[in-house]
Protein backbone atom coordinates (compact mmCIF):
# COMPACT_ATOMS: atom_id res chain seq x y z
CA MET A 1 -14.67 -30.16 -21.39
CA GLU A 2 -11.89 -32.64 -20.65
CA ARG A 3 -12.81 -35.75 -18.66
CA TRP A 4 -10.17 -37.59 -16.64
CA ARG A 5 -10.35 -40.69 -14.47
CA GLY A 6 -7.53 -40.80 -11.97
CA LEU A 7 -4.69 -38.37 -11.43
CA GLU A 8 -2.56 -40.25 -13.96
CA ALA A 9 -4.97 -39.01 -16.66
CA VAL A 10 -4.10 -35.36 -15.99
CA PRO A 11 -2.15 -34.22 -19.06
CA THR A 12 1.59 -33.86 -18.71
CA GLY A 13 2.46 -30.21 -18.39
CA TRP A 14 -0.94 -29.22 -17.03
CA GLY A 15 -0.58 -25.66 -15.76
CA ARG A 16 -2.15 -23.77 -12.90
CA SER A 17 -5.89 -24.03 -12.38
CA VAL A 18 -8.80 -23.16 -10.12
CA VAL A 19 -10.07 -26.30 -8.39
CA THR A 20 -13.30 -27.24 -6.67
CA VAL A 21 -13.67 -30.57 -4.84
CA GLY A 22 -16.71 -32.56 -3.71
CA VAL A 23 -19.05 -35.44 -4.50
CA PHE A 24 -21.50 -33.03 -6.21
CA ASP A 25 -24.23 -35.67 -6.42
CA GLY A 26 -27.24 -33.98 -7.97
CA VAL A 27 -25.37 -30.82 -8.97
CA HIS A 28 -28.12 -28.99 -7.08
CA ARG A 29 -28.52 -25.23 -6.63
CA GLY A 30 -25.97 -25.14 -3.83
CA HIS A 31 -23.45 -26.98 -5.98
CA GLN A 32 -24.25 -24.71 -8.91
CA GLN A 33 -23.46 -21.62 -6.83
CA LEU A 34 -20.14 -23.09 -5.71
CA ILE A 35 -19.13 -24.28 -9.19
CA SER A 36 -20.11 -20.95 -10.77
CA CYS A 37 -17.94 -19.16 -8.21
CA ALA A 38 -14.97 -21.36 -9.16
CA VAL A 39 -15.59 -20.78 -12.88
CA ARG A 40 -15.74 -16.98 -12.35
CA ARG A 41 -12.51 -17.12 -10.37
CA GLY A 42 -10.88 -19.05 -13.19
CA GLN A 43 -12.08 -16.56 -15.77
CA GLU A 44 -10.78 -13.66 -13.69
CA ARG A 45 -7.37 -15.31 -13.42
CA GLN A 46 -7.50 -16.63 -17.00
CA LEU A 47 -7.06 -20.17 -15.70
CA PRO A 48 -9.02 -23.36 -16.42
CA THR A 49 -11.44 -24.67 -13.78
CA VAL A 50 -11.11 -28.29 -12.64
CA LEU A 51 -13.87 -30.10 -10.76
CA VAL A 52 -12.70 -33.07 -8.69
CA THR A 53 -15.22 -35.72 -7.65
CA PHE A 54 -15.14 -39.32 -6.41
CA ASP A 55 -16.38 -42.74 -7.52
CA PRO A 56 -17.77 -44.74 -5.83
CA HIS A 57 -19.38 -42.56 -3.17
CA PRO A 58 -16.94 -42.40 -0.22
CA ALA A 59 -19.64 -43.71 2.14
CA GLU A 60 -19.70 -47.06 0.33
CA LEU A 61 -16.04 -47.76 1.10
CA ILE A 62 -16.03 -46.32 4.60
CA ARG A 63 -19.30 -48.02 5.61
CA PRO A 64 -19.98 -50.85 3.11
CA GLY A 65 -23.67 -51.18 2.30
CA SER A 66 -24.41 -47.54 3.17
CA HIS A 67 -24.14 -46.11 -0.36
CA PRO A 68 -26.71 -43.28 -0.48
CA ALA A 69 -29.28 -43.22 -3.26
CA ARG A 70 -27.61 -41.68 -6.31
CA LEU A 71 -29.17 -38.51 -7.72
CA THR A 72 -26.99 -38.33 -10.84
CA SER A 73 -24.77 -40.76 -12.73
CA LEU A 74 -21.18 -39.69 -13.34
CA ARG A 75 -21.98 -39.05 -17.00
CA ARG A 76 -24.95 -36.86 -16.09
CA ARG A 77 -22.88 -35.05 -13.46
CA ALA A 78 -20.19 -34.31 -16.04
CA ASP A 79 -22.73 -33.02 -18.55
CA LEU A 80 -24.30 -30.71 -15.97
CA VAL A 81 -21.03 -29.19 -14.78
CA ALA A 82 -19.90 -28.72 -18.39
CA GLU A 83 -22.97 -26.53 -18.88
CA LEU A 84 -21.74 -24.40 -15.96
CA GLY A 85 -18.42 -23.75 -17.70
CA VAL A 86 -16.09 -26.24 -16.02
CA ASP A 87 -13.03 -27.03 -18.16
CA ALA A 88 -12.00 -30.41 -16.74
CA PHE A 89 -13.94 -33.11 -14.85
CA CYS A 90 -11.60 -35.28 -12.79
CA VAL A 91 -12.93 -38.48 -11.17
CA LEU A 92 -10.79 -39.91 -8.38
CA PRO A 93 -11.46 -43.62 -7.75
CA PHE A 94 -12.25 -43.71 -4.03
CA THR A 95 -10.01 -46.55 -2.88
CA SER A 96 -8.84 -47.64 0.57
CA GLU A 97 -5.50 -45.98 -0.22
CA LEU A 98 -7.19 -42.65 -0.93
CA ALA A 99 -9.34 -43.00 2.18
CA ARG A 100 -6.18 -43.42 4.30
CA GLN A 101 -4.44 -40.33 2.92
CA GLU A 102 -3.78 -37.71 5.56
CA PRO A 103 -5.13 -34.23 4.76
CA ALA A 104 -1.66 -32.78 4.08
CA GLU A 105 -0.86 -35.63 1.68
CA PHE A 106 -4.15 -35.17 -0.21
CA ALA A 107 -3.61 -31.41 -0.50
CA HIS A 108 -0.05 -31.79 -1.72
CA GLU A 109 -0.51 -34.71 -4.13
CA VAL A 110 -3.88 -33.78 -5.63
CA LEU A 111 -4.06 -30.00 -5.43
CA VAL A 112 -0.41 -29.02 -5.71
CA GLU A 113 1.56 -31.69 -7.59
CA ARG A 114 -1.09 -32.77 -10.11
CA LEU A 115 -3.55 -29.89 -10.54
CA HIS A 116 -1.26 -26.97 -9.64
CA ALA A 117 -4.08 -25.17 -7.86
CA ALA A 118 -3.96 -21.39 -7.76
CA ASP A 119 -7.30 -21.24 -5.92
CA VAL A 120 -9.53 -23.87 -4.31
CA VAL A 121 -13.27 -23.23 -3.90
CA VAL A 122 -15.25 -25.55 -1.61
CA GLY A 123 -18.33 -25.57 0.58
CA ARG A 124 -18.04 -24.30 4.14
CA ASN A 125 -18.72 -27.84 5.42
CA PHE A 126 -16.03 -29.45 3.22
CA THR A 127 -13.91 -32.17 4.84
CA PHE A 128 -11.10 -34.27 3.40
CA GLY A 129 -8.37 -36.74 4.28
CA HIS A 130 -8.31 -39.75 6.60
CA ARG A 131 -11.37 -39.86 8.85
CA ALA A 132 -12.40 -36.46 7.37
CA ALA A 133 -9.79 -34.82 9.61
CA GLY A 134 -9.26 -31.88 7.25
CA ASP A 135 -11.62 -28.91 7.04
CA VAL A 136 -11.66 -25.47 5.41
CA ALA A 137 -9.48 -23.95 8.14
CA MET A 138 -6.84 -26.66 7.65
CA LEU A 139 -7.07 -26.31 3.88
CA THR A 140 -6.46 -22.56 4.26
CA THR A 141 -3.33 -23.30 6.27
CA PHE A 142 -2.11 -25.67 3.55
CA GLY A 143 -2.86 -23.00 0.98
CA GLN A 144 -0.63 -20.55 2.79
CA ARG A 145 2.12 -23.18 2.88
CA PHE A 146 1.79 -24.40 -0.71
CA GLY A 147 0.75 -21.17 -2.43
CA PHE A 148 -2.96 -21.45 -3.26
CA GLY A 149 -5.95 -19.41 -2.12
CA VAL A 150 -8.99 -20.97 -0.44
CA GLU A 151 -12.61 -19.86 -0.41
CA GLY A 152 -15.24 -21.67 1.65
CA LEU A 153 -18.84 -20.85 0.65
CA ASP A 154 -21.90 -21.15 2.86
CA LEU A 155 -24.66 -23.51 1.70
CA ILE A 156 -27.56 -21.65 0.12
CA SER A 157 -31.10 -21.95 1.43
CA ASP A 158 -34.64 -20.91 0.53
CA ASP A 159 -37.50 -20.39 2.98
CA GLY A 160 -35.40 -21.85 5.76
CA VAL A 161 -34.48 -25.00 3.79
CA THR A 162 -30.77 -25.56 3.20
CA PHE A 163 -30.15 -27.27 -0.12
CA SER A 164 -28.16 -30.48 0.17
CA SER A 165 -28.04 -33.87 -1.52
CA THR A 166 -29.38 -35.45 1.69
CA TYR A 167 -32.42 -33.15 1.70
CA ILE A 168 -33.13 -33.87 -1.98
CA ARG A 169 -32.88 -37.62 -1.44
CA ALA A 170 -35.44 -37.31 1.36
CA CYS A 171 -37.80 -35.37 -0.93
CA ILE A 172 -37.51 -37.99 -3.67
CA ASP A 173 -37.95 -40.86 -1.23
CA ALA A 174 -41.19 -39.22 -0.08
CA GLY A 175 -42.37 -38.71 -3.66
CA ASP A 176 -42.18 -34.92 -3.36
CA VAL A 177 -40.66 -34.40 -6.79
CA ALA A 178 -41.73 -30.73 -6.84
CA ALA A 179 -39.63 -29.95 -3.75
CA ALA A 180 -36.74 -31.94 -5.21
CA ALA A 181 -36.96 -29.95 -8.44
CA ALA A 182 -36.96 -26.67 -6.51
CA ALA A 183 -33.69 -27.63 -4.81
CA LEU A 184 -32.11 -29.15 -7.92
CA GLY A 185 -33.09 -26.29 -10.19
CA ARG A 186 -34.60 -28.83 -12.64
CA PRO A 187 -36.72 -32.01 -12.43
CA HIS A 188 -35.15 -35.12 -10.93
CA ARG A 189 -33.97 -37.42 -13.72
CA VAL A 190 -33.72 -41.22 -13.69
CA GLU A 191 -31.63 -42.86 -16.43
CA GLY A 192 -31.58 -46.40 -17.76
CA VAL A 193 -31.96 -48.78 -20.67
CA VAL A 194 -35.35 -49.84 -22.04
CA VAL A 195 -35.75 -53.60 -21.54
CA HIS A 196 -38.49 -56.13 -22.12
CA GLY A 197 -40.97 -56.46 -19.27
CA ASP A 198 -44.18 -58.45 -18.93
CA HIS A 199 -45.75 -56.66 -21.95
CA ARG A 200 -48.83 -56.18 -19.79
CA GLY A 201 -49.12 -52.48 -20.64
CA ARG A 202 -49.62 -53.16 -24.34
CA ASP A 203 -52.36 -55.67 -23.54
CA LEU A 204 -54.08 -52.98 -21.46
CA GLY A 205 -53.85 -50.40 -24.24
CA PHE A 206 -51.00 -48.44 -22.62
CA PRO A 207 -47.65 -49.79 -23.92
CA THR A 208 -44.87 -48.75 -21.58
CA ALA A 209 -41.10 -48.51 -21.77
CA ASN A 210 -39.68 -50.59 -18.92
CA ILE A 211 -36.52 -48.81 -17.77
CA ALA A 212 -33.75 -50.82 -16.12
CA THR A 213 -31.90 -48.49 -13.75
CA ALA A 214 -28.40 -48.72 -12.27
CA PRO A 215 -27.83 -49.81 -8.66
CA TYR A 216 -28.34 -47.12 -6.00
CA THR A 217 -30.46 -44.94 -8.33
CA ALA A 218 -32.69 -42.56 -6.35
CA LEU A 219 -36.23 -43.62 -7.28
CA PRO A 220 -39.27 -41.63 -6.16
CA ALA A 221 -41.77 -43.23 -3.80
CA ASP A 222 -44.11 -45.78 -5.40
CA GLY A 223 -46.82 -44.05 -7.37
CA VAL A 224 -47.69 -42.42 -10.68
CA TYR A 225 -46.05 -39.24 -11.98
CA ALA A 226 -46.24 -36.87 -14.92
CA GLY A 227 -42.98 -35.96 -16.59
CA ARG A 228 -40.83 -36.13 -19.70
CA PHE A 229 -39.25 -39.03 -21.53
CA ALA A 230 -35.76 -38.11 -22.76
CA ILE A 231 -34.35 -39.95 -25.76
CA GLY A 232 -31.61 -38.37 -27.81
CA ASP A 233 -32.37 -34.66 -27.93
CA ARG A 234 -36.15 -35.16 -27.57
CA LEU A 235 -38.26 -34.61 -24.46
CA LEU A 236 -41.64 -36.32 -24.80
CA PRO A 237 -44.60 -36.03 -22.38
CA THR A 238 -45.03 -39.21 -20.37
CA ALA A 239 -46.93 -40.79 -17.50
CA ILE A 240 -44.51 -42.70 -15.25
CA SER A 241 -45.28 -45.55 -12.90
CA VAL A 242 -42.89 -46.50 -10.09
CA GLY A 243 -43.70 -49.55 -8.01
CA THR A 244 -44.42 -53.26 -7.90
CA ASN A 245 -47.68 -53.52 -9.90
CA PRO A 246 -49.72 -54.76 -6.90
CA THR A 247 -52.83 -55.42 -9.02
CA PHE A 248 -50.85 -58.25 -10.62
CA SER A 249 -49.11 -59.29 -7.37
CA GLY A 250 -45.75 -57.93 -8.49
CA ARG A 251 -42.80 -58.01 -6.11
CA GLU A 252 -39.93 -56.12 -7.74
CA ARG A 253 -39.96 -52.36 -8.14
CA SER A 254 -39.89 -51.10 -11.70
CA VAL A 255 -39.97 -47.81 -13.59
CA GLU A 256 -42.37 -47.81 -16.54
CA ALA A 257 -43.06 -44.87 -18.85
CA TYR A 258 -46.11 -44.48 -21.06
CA VAL A 259 -45.04 -41.97 -23.70
CA LEU A 260 -48.07 -40.01 -24.88
CA ASP A 261 -48.96 -40.18 -28.56
CA ALA A 262 -45.81 -42.09 -29.50
CA ASP A 263 -45.82 -45.35 -31.43
CA GLU A 264 -42.13 -46.19 -31.39
CA ASN A 265 -39.94 -49.11 -30.40
CA PHE A 266 -37.64 -47.91 -27.61
CA TYR A 267 -36.14 -51.30 -26.70
CA GLY A 268 -32.39 -51.20 -26.15
CA PHE A 269 -32.12 -47.40 -26.10
CA ASP A 270 -30.49 -45.38 -23.34
CA VAL A 271 -33.26 -43.10 -22.08
CA ALA A 272 -34.23 -41.04 -19.06
CA VAL A 273 -37.39 -39.82 -17.36
CA ASP A 274 -37.79 -36.42 -15.68
CA PHE A 275 -40.25 -36.41 -12.77
CA GLU A 276 -42.27 -33.18 -12.74
CA HIS A 277 -45.55 -33.89 -10.89
CA ARG A 278 -46.81 -36.61 -8.55
CA LEU A 279 -50.30 -37.74 -9.57
CA ARG A 280 -51.08 -40.35 -6.91
CA GLY A 281 -49.70 -43.15 -4.80
CA GLN A 282 -49.54 -46.79 -5.79
CA GLU A 283 -52.86 -48.62 -5.48
CA ARG A 284 -54.15 -52.15 -5.88
CA TYR A 285 -57.29 -52.53 -7.99
CA ASP A 286 -59.85 -55.31 -7.80
CA GLY A 287 -59.84 -55.89 -11.54
CA VAL A 288 -58.32 -54.93 -14.86
CA ASP A 289 -61.24 -52.69 -15.86
CA ALA A 290 -60.79 -50.49 -12.78
CA LEU A 291 -57.07 -50.26 -13.45
CA ILE A 292 -57.60 -49.24 -17.10
CA ALA A 293 -60.10 -46.56 -16.07
CA GLN A 294 -57.58 -45.12 -13.60
CA MET A 295 -54.80 -45.22 -16.19
CA ARG A 296 -56.97 -43.20 -18.57
CA LEU A 297 -57.44 -40.59 -15.84
CA ASP A 298 -53.69 -40.55 -15.16
CA VAL A 299 -52.96 -39.92 -18.84
CA GLU A 300 -55.49 -37.09 -19.06
CA ARG A 301 -54.07 -35.46 -15.93
CA THR A 302 -50.62 -35.78 -17.43
CA ARG A 303 -51.80 -34.01 -20.60
CA GLY A 304 -53.31 -31.21 -18.54
CA LEU A 305 -50.22 -30.71 -16.36
CA LEU A 306 -47.71 -30.85 -19.19
CA GLY A 307 -49.77 -28.89 -21.70
CA SER A 308 -49.65 -31.72 -24.21
């Protein structure tokens, strides 16, 4: 899959394509349906499929300080859409100039002049252009003028729940990683670099990988979880702690992973943790012995849940 940042990165002579546009944070089941529809349309027309997304999140520029918690990094987003068959991943830097573009200008410059869209597939609630003035009906009118087809898909739902990035963020914020996984179609993943912490876990008999995460990362509610530790192409069973370590009067939130039955040095590696089950909330213990006893229980529950 080709990866472009900015319209200037689109290869000279790029031909017609099927285009889908959106933030696609999380690449959840609703996004997957939409992207798969675009890929099928491209295959039917023997045209490449281009996915257009934005960085940073438009909300951060329009309402500074309101950047929503991020479900997926751009790299992770690109990897996930590549698995769905997308041919090109185009990131548009969301600048004040782009935010001021009128809908007709966006449609003509992005979809027609640069990507030569034959078809555009978007969600039914898609908006674009200055102050989100454009919608699917307007896009359809532009398509008739400029020569591309438009398909607006309804959001998918299950048991009355409509899948959206906002819904998934709420699930994660509440610590309901099972509900988040059901909407994502896979466990929620948090990425970062393993850094040195207080080394308290090793002293307690449970050495942990302290994972430094990027700003705006969507972290589950404080507590202990069972999941997988991803490093390279390996997925290792792990007990994950999210919180401030109240037993030791901690103040800053951290993500720490105790990888079961692994005696390796992970410092400096890019890793990720997949949250599969919530074991309990964060608690403060009266002493180290009580904490160690609970950690042993957490590890055994993790083994049982993950089949390790």
